[in-house]
Amino acid sequence: MFRLASMLYSIIGSSLAGSFVIAALATGHDTLVPILIAAAVGAVLGIPASWVVARAITQNIR
């Protein structure tokens, strides 16, 4: 399951980080620090999200 979660993280983590950066820019936070914080938060939240998705996929296969 770790390999599947790792593969999913490459998609989910970058999608969440990108979405959070876009949200930060849309709300007017257009300096470096808020953009980096938004990207880091999205990347960190991608870890448990990809683990949950990987677990759901493996449980539905069995």
PDB file of N, CA and C in Angstrom:
ATOM      1  N   MET A   1       0.826  -1.196   0.000  1.00  0.00           N
ATOM      2  CA  MET A   1       0.000   0.000   0.000  1.00  0.00           C
ATOM      3  C   MET A   1       0.867   1.254   0.000  1.00  0.00           C
ATOM      4  N   PHE A   2       2.085   1.148   0.554  1.00  0.00           N
ATOM      5  CA  PHE A   2       2.964   2.319   0.584  1.00  0.00           C
ATOM      6  C   PHE A   2       3.354   2.762  -0.828  1.00  0.00           C
ATOM      7  N   ARG A   3       3.593   1.792  -1.710  1.00  0.00           N
ATOM      8  CA  ARG A   3       3.960   2.146  -3.090  1.00  0.00           C
ATOM      9  C   ARG A   3       2.809   2.856  -3.795  1.00  0.00           C
ATOM     10  N   LEU A   4       1.589   2.372  -3.589  1.00  0.00           N
ATOM     11  CA  LEU A   4       0.430   3.011  -4.197  1.00  0.00           C
ATOM     12  C   LEU A   4       0.234   4.419  -3.639  1.00  0.00           C
ATOM     13  N   ALA A   5       0.382   4.572  -2.326  1.00  0.00           N
ATOM     14  CA  ALA A   5       0.238   5.891  -1.709  1.00  0.00           C
ATOM     15  C   ALA A   5       1.310   6.851  -2.218  1.00  0.00           C
ATOM     16  N   SER A   6       2.513   6.344  -2.449  1.00  0.00           N
ATOM     17  CA  SER A   6       3.585   7.193  -2.972  1.00  0.00           C
ATOM     18  C   SER A   6       3.272   7.674  -4.381  1.00  0.00           C
ATOM     19  N   MET A   7       2.743   6.773  -5.198  1.00  0.00           N
ATOM     20  CA  MET A   7       2.378   7.172  -6.556  1.00  0.00           C
ATOM     21  C   MET A   7       1.218   8.162  -6.558  1.00  0.00           C
ATOM     22  N   LEU A   8       0.258   7.916  -5.688  1.00  0.00           N
ATOM     23  CA  LEU A   8      -0.873   8.834  -5.596  1.00  0.00           C
ATOM     24  C   LEU A   8      -0.460  10.193  -5.051  1.00  0.00           C
ATOM     25  N   TYR A   9       0.544  10.213  -4.165  1.00  0.00           N
ATOM     26  CA  TYR A   9       0.990  11.479  -3.591  1.00  0.00           C
ATOM     27  C   TYR A   9       1.542  12.416  -4.664  1.00  0.00           C
ATOM     28  N   SER A  10       2.187  11.841  -5.674  1.00  0.00           N
ATOM     29  CA  SER A  10       2.730  12.700  -6.731  1.00  0.00           C
ATOM     30  C   SER A  10       1.624  13.464  -7.445  1.00  0.00           C
ATOM     31  N   ILE A  11       0.453  12.901  -7.497  1.00  0.00           N
ATOM     32  CA  ILE A  11      -0.682  13.579  -8.136  1.00  0.00           C
ATOM     33  C   ILE A  11      -1.449  14.426  -7.133  1.00  0.00           C
ATOM     34  N   ILE A  12      -1.793  13.821  -6.002  1.00  0.00           N
ATOM     35  CA  ILE A  12      -2.637  14.503  -5.009  1.00  0.00           C
ATOM     36  C   ILE A  12      -1.894  15.656  -4.349  1.00  0.00           C
ATOM     37  N   GLY A  13      -0.630  15.437  -3.978  1.00  0.00           N
ATOM     38  CA  GLY A  13       0.133  16.494  -3.308  1.00  0.00           C
ATOM     39  C   GLY A  13       0.337  17.706  -4.189  1.00  0.00           C
ATOM     40  N   SER A  14       0.687  17.481  -5.444  1.00  0.00           N
ATOM     41  CA  SER A  14       0.895  18.627  -6.337  1.00  0.00           C
ATOM     42  C   SER A  14      -0.423  19.321  -6.668  1.00  0.00           C
ATOM     43  N   SER A  15      -1.511  18.552  -6.756  1.00  0.00           N
ATOM     44  CA  SER A  15      -2.817  19.170  -7.017  1.00  0.00           C
ATOM     45  C   SER A  15      -3.264  20.039  -5.851  1.00  0.00           C
ATOM     46  N   LEU A  16      -3.105  19.523  -4.635  1.00  0.00           N
ATOM     47  CA  LEU A  16      -3.489  20.318  -3.465  1.00  0.00           C
ATOM     48  C   LEU A  16      -2.596  21.545  -3.305  1.00  0.00           C
ATOM     49  N   ALA A  17      -1.299  21.373  -3.511  1.00  0.00           N
ATOM     50  CA  ALA A  17      -0.388  22.511  -3.387  1.00  0.00           C
ATOM     51  C   ALA A  17      -0.732  23.575  -4.421  1.00  0.00           C
ATOM     52  N   GLY A  18      -0.982  23.152  -5.644  1.00  0.00           N
ATOM     53  CA  GLY A  18      -1.352  24.110  -6.687  1.00  0.00           C
ATOM     54  C   GLY A  18      -2.671  24.797  -6.408  1.00  0.00           C
ATOM     55  N   SER A  19      -3.631  24.047  -5.908  1.00  0.00           N
ATOM     56  CA  SER A  19      -4.929  24.636  -5.577  1.00  0.00           C
ATOM     57  C   SER A  19      -4.810  25.648  -4.453  1.00  0.00           C
ATOM     58  N   PHE A  20      -3.992  25.325  -3.450  1.00  0.00           N
ATOM     59  CA  PHE A  20      -3.812  26.257  -2.337  1.00  0.00           C
ATOM     60  C   PHE A  20      -3.076  27.513  -2.788  1.00  0.00           C
ATOM     61  N   VAL A  21      -2.118  27.382  -3.684  1.00  0.00           N
ATOM     62  CA  VAL A  21      -1.415  28.562  -4.208  1.00  0.00           C
ATOM     63  C   VAL A  21      -2.385  29.435  -4.994  1.00  0.00           C
ATOM     64  N   ILE A  22      -3.218  28.824  -5.812  1.00  0.00           N
ATOM     65  CA  ILE A  22      -4.207  29.596  -6.573  1.00  0.00           C
ATOM     66  C   ILE A  22      -5.181  30.292  -5.630  1.00  0.00           C
ATOM     67  N   ALA A  23      -5.593  29.590  -4.568  1.00  0.00           N
ATOM     68  CA  ALA A  23      -6.487  30.216  -3.593  1.00  0.00           C
ATOM     69  C   ALA A  23      -5.813  31.390  -2.897  1.00  0.00           C
ATOM     70  N   ALA A  24      -4.531  31.249  -2.586  1.00  0.00           N
ATOM     71  CA  ALA A  24      -3.806  32.353  -1.948  1.00  0.00           C
ATOM     72  C   ALA A  24      -3.707  33.540  -2.898  1.00  0.00           C
ATOM     73  N   LEU A  25      -3.423  33.270  -4.154  1.00  0.00           N
ATOM     74  CA  LEU A  25      -3.333  34.369  -5.121  1.00  0.00           C
ATOM     75  C   LEU A  25      -4.691  35.028  -5.360  1.00  0.00           C
ATOM     76  N   ALA A  26      -5.743  34.231  -5.376  1.00  0.00           N
ATOM     77  CA  ALA A  26      -7.079  34.782  -5.612  1.00  0.00           C
ATOM     78  C   ALA A  26      -7.556  35.647  -4.451  1.00  0.00           C
ATOM     79  N   THR A  27      -7.051  35.384  -3.257  1.00  0.00           N
ATOM     80  CA  THR A  27      -7.453  36.185  -2.103  1.00  0.00           C
ATOM     81  C   THR A  27      -6.556  37.397  -1.889  1.00  0.00           C
ATOM     82  N   GLY A  28      -5.606  37.603  -2.800  1.00  0.00           N
ATOM     83  CA  GLY A  28      -4.781  38.805  -2.736  1.00  0.00           C
ATOM     84  C   GLY A  28      -3.449  38.640  -2.038  1.00  0.00           C
ATOM     85  N   HIS A  29      -3.107  37.456  -1.640  1.00  0.00           N
ATOM     86  CA  HIS A  29      -1.815  37.219  -0.991  1.00  0.00           C
ATOM     87  C   HIS A  29      -0.791  36.901  -2.081  1.00  0.00           C
ATOM     88  N   ASP A  30      -0.175  37.938  -2.617  1.00  0.00           N
ATOM     89  CA  ASP A  30       0.684  37.747  -3.782  1.00  0.00           C
ATOM     90  C   ASP A  30       2.169  37.978  -3.486  1.00  0.00           C
ATOM     91  N   THR A  31       2.560  37.803  -2.238  1.00  0.00           N
ATOM     92  CA  THR A  31       3.988  37.872  -1.910  1.00  0.00           C
ATOM     93  C   THR A  31       4.525  36.460  -1.701  1.00  0.00           C
ATOM     94  N   LEU A  32       5.825  36.351  -1.530  1.00  0.00           N
ATOM     95  CA  LEU A  32       6.474  35.043  -1.494  1.00  0.00           C
ATOM     96  C   LEU A  32       6.047  34.194  -0.304  1.00  0.00           C
ATOM     97  N   VAL A  33       6.001  34.763   0.871  1.00  0.00           N
ATOM     98  CA  VAL A  33       5.750  33.974   2.078  1.00  0.00           C
ATOM     99  C   VAL A  33       4.363  33.316   2.067  1.00  0.00           C
ATOM    100  N   PRO A  34       3.276  34.027   1.781  1.00  0.00           N
ATOM    101  CA  PRO A  34       1.973  33.334   1.755  1.00  0.00           C
ATOM    102  C   PRO A  34       1.884  32.265   0.668  1.00  0.00           C
ATOM    103  N   ILE A  35       2.541  32.480  -0.451  1.00  0.00           N
ATOM    104  CA  ILE A  35       2.518  31.483  -1.514  1.00  0.00           C
ATOM    105  C   ILE A  35       3.271  30.230  -1.074  1.00  0.00           C
ATOM    106  N   LEU A  36       4.428  30.395  -0.450  1.00  0.00           N
ATOM    107  CA  LEU A  36       5.182  29.242   0.039  1.00  0.00           C
ATOM    108  C   LEU A  36       4.437  28.508   1.141  1.00  0.00           C
ATOM    109  N   ILE A  37       3.776  29.237   2.013  1.00  0.00           N
ATOM    110  CA  ILE A  37       2.996  28.599   3.074  1.00  0.00           C
ATOM    111  C   ILE A  37       1.842  27.804   2.481  1.00  0.00           C
ATOM    112  N   ALA A  38       1.160  28.377   1.508  1.00  0.00           N
ATOM    113  CA  ALA A  38       0.043  27.668   0.867  1.00  0.00           C
ATOM    114  C   ALA A  38       0.525  26.408   0.166  1.00  0.00           C
ATOM    115  N   ALA A  39       1.667  26.487  -0.517  1.00  0.00           N
ATOM    116  CA  ALA A  39       2.207  25.305  -1.193  1.00  0.00           C
ATOM    117  C   ALA A  39       2.620  24.242  -0.184  1.00  0.00           C
ATOM    118  N   ALA A  40       3.227  24.653   0.918  1.00  0.00           N
ATOM    119  CA  ALA A  40       3.656  23.692   1.934  1.00  0.00           C
ATOM    120  C   ALA A  40       2.460  23.031   2.614  1.00  0.00           C
ATOM    121  N   VAL A  41       1.432  23.806   2.909  1.00  0.00           N
ATOM    122  CA  VAL A  41       0.231  23.237   3.532  1.00  0.00           C
ATOM    123  C   VAL A  41      -0.426  22.232   2.597  1.00  0.00           C
ATOM    124  N   GLY A  42      -0.506  22.567   1.318  1.00  0.00           N
ATOM    125  CA  GLY A  42      -1.082  21.630   0.360  1.00  0.00           C
ATOM    126  C   GLY A  42      -0.272  20.358   0.233  1.00  0.00           C
ATOM    127  N   ALA A  43       1.053  20.493   0.236  1.00  0.00           N
ATOM    128  CA  ALA A  43       1.911  19.310   0.134  1.00  0.00           C
ATOM    129  C   ALA A  43       1.792  18.436   1.378  1.00  0.00           C
ATOM    130  N   VAL A  44       1.701  19.049   2.546  1.00  0.00           N
ATOM    131  CA  VAL A  44       1.577  18.278   3.790  1.00  0.00           C
ATOM    132  C   VAL A  44       0.200  17.610   3.874  1.00  0.00           C
ATOM    133  N   LEU A  45      -0.847  18.299   3.457  1.00  0.00           N
ATOM    134  CA  LEU A  45      -2.180  17.700   3.493  1.00  0.00           C
ATOM    135  C   LEU A  45      -2.341  16.604   2.443  1.00  0.00           C
ATOM    136  N   GLY A  46      -1.471  16.597   1.453  1.00  0.00           N
ATOM    137  CA  GLY A  46      -1.513  15.547   0.452  1.00  0.00           C
ATOM    138  C   GLY A  46      -1.078  14.202   0.987  1.00  0.00           C
ATOM    139  N   ILE A  47      -0.282  14.183   2.044  1.00  0.00           N
ATOM    140  CA  ILE A  47       0.206  12.920   2.607  1.00  0.00           C
ATOM    141  C   ILE A  47      -0.943  12.086   3.186  1.00  0.00           C
ATOM    142  N   PRO A  48      -1.729  12.616   4.130  1.00  0.00           N
ATOM    143  CA  PRO A  48      -2.830  11.778   4.630  1.00  0.00           C
ATOM    144  C   PRO A  48      -3.910  11.542   3.582  1.00  0.00           C
ATOM    145  N   ALA A  49      -4.092  12.483   2.676  1.00  0.00           N
ATOM    146  CA  ALA A  49      -5.110  12.292   1.638  1.00  0.00           C
ATOM    147  C   ALA A  49      -4.739  11.131   0.722  1.00  0.00           C
ATOM    148  N   SER A  50      -3.488  11.051   0.330  1.00  0.00           N
ATOM    149  CA  SER A  50      -3.086   9.955  -0.539  1.00  0.00           C
ATOM    150  C   SER A  50      -3.105   8.628   0.211  1.00  0.00           C
ATOM    151  N   TRP A  51      -2.834   8.637   1.493  1.00  0.00           N
ATOM    152  CA  TRP A  51      -2.910   7.404   2.287  1.00  0.00           C
ATOM    153  C   TRP A  51      -4.360   6.911   2.366  1.00  0.00           C
ATOM    154  N   VAL A  52      -5.306   7.844   2.562  1.00  0.00           N
ATOM    155  CA  VAL A  52      -6.723   7.478   2.634  1.00  0.00           C
ATOM    156  C   VAL A  52      -7.201   6.939   1.289  1.00  0.00           C
ATOM    157  N   VAL A  53      -6.809   7.571   0.211  1.00  0.00           N
ATOM    158  CA  VAL A  53      -7.217   7.115  -1.114  1.00  0.00           C
ATOM    159  C   VAL A  53      -6.611   5.748  -1.419  1.00  0.00           C
ATOM    160  N   ALA A  54      -5.344   5.555  -1.077  1.00  0.00           N
ATOM    161  CA  ALA A  54      -4.702   4.261  -1.315  1.00  0.00           C
ATOM    162  C   ALA A  54      -5.384   3.161  -0.502  1.00  0.00           C
ATOM    163  N   ARG A  55      -5.740   3.450   0.740  1.00  0.00           N
ATOM    164  CA  ARG A  55      -6.424   2.456   1.563  1.00  0.00           C
ATOM    165  C   ARG A  55      -7.803   2.129   0.995  1.00  0.00           C
ATOM    166  N   ALA A  56      -8.510   3.147   0.515  1.00  0.00           N
ATOM    167  CA  ALA A  56      -9.827   2.895  -0.075  1.00  0.00           C
ATOM    168  C   ALA A  56      -9.705   2.058  -1.354  1.00  0.00           C
ATOM    169  N   ILE A  57      -8.683   2.322  -2.150  1.00  0.00           N
ATOM    170  CA  ILE A  57      -8.500   1.531  -3.372  1.00  0.00           C
ATOM    171  C   ILE A  57      -8.173   0.084  -3.038  1.00  0.00           C
ATOM    172  N   THR A  58      -7.262  -0.131  -2.102  1.00  0.00           N
ATOM    173  CA  THR A  58      -6.884  -1.509  -1.776  1.00  0.00           C
ATOM    174  C   THR A  58      -8.017  -2.271  -1.091  1.00  0.00           C
ATOM    175  N   GLN A  59      -8.845  -1.603  -0.322  1.00  0.00           N
ATOM    176  CA  GLN A  59      -9.964  -2.289   0.318  1.00  0.00           C
ATOM    177  C   GLN A  59     -11.053  -2.628  -0.682  1.00  0.00           C
ATOM    178  N   ASN A  60     -11.226  -1.811  -1.698  1.00  0.00           N
ATOM    179  CA  ASN A  60     -12.248  -2.090  -2.693  1.00  0.00           C
ATOM    180  C   ASN A  60     -11.807  -3.168  -3.675  1.00  0.00           C
ATOM    181  N   ILE A  61     -10.513  -3.376  -3.802  1.00  0.00           N
ATOM    182  CA  ILE A  61     -10.016  -4.422  -4.687  1.00  0.00           C
ATOM    183  C   ILE A  61     -10.230  -5.789  -4.046  1.00  0.00           C
ATOM    184  N   ARG A  62     -10.042  -5.893  -2.758  1.00  0.00           N
ATOM    185  CA  ARG A  62     -10.140  -7.186  -2.061  1.00  0.00           C
ATOM    186  C   ARG A  62     -11.542  -7.627  -1.921  1.00  0.00           C
TER     187      ARG A  62
END
